Amino acid sequence: MKLNILKKISYLFLSLALITSFTSCEPEESVAADSPLVLQEVMGSYWIIALEADGETPAYGGEYNKFGFYNSGANDMSFWLDDYGAWMELKAKSTIDLNSLTFSSEANTDELITGGTVTITNGKITENSYTTASGSVVDEIYFEAEFDWDPGYTYVFKGHKSTGIIADNHPSF
């Protein structure tokens, strides 16, 4: 009988210990301005057109292409800039400064689709500065790129964040 009572008491203490181990404090909801979590706000899909160096003339037919901007997984401020194999064939890693929303790559960064290199400069995301055809206000994007297959020539890329609305996919500048 005594052994049975001790057994029940030990089960009670073990149960309490187990229950308290599953209870935790609430984490504090504070994210630093330069945290990779903030990077998610500018990542996503963008509709971008490639232009000649003058920034006005469409390059090679000048159609808008969907670009992906997504985290590199390095848990830092680097991200992938990817045109999903469109004619420019641009998939390269860049780094963003979240305070100024500017981005660039190192000189001669590996371009993973062609196996060549690209240098991305003067990248800038301007928040809520573009009105799409549907009337949505979204972020605008601009950057320049020099590819190893056309050395010494800088292409200009302009566009806006995707809204998911079909009418916004191919705006005119």
Foldseek 3Di string as FASTA:
>chain_A
DVVVVVVVVVVVVVVVVVVVVPDDDDDDPDDDLQWVVVVVVPWAKWWKWKAFPVVAHGPPVTFTAIWGWAPPPPRGQKTWTARPCPPVQATFIWGADSVQQAIWHPFFTQGPRVRGGKTKDGWHKAAQPDQFPVRDGGIKIKIWMATPVHPPTIMIMITTHDPVDVRRNTDDD
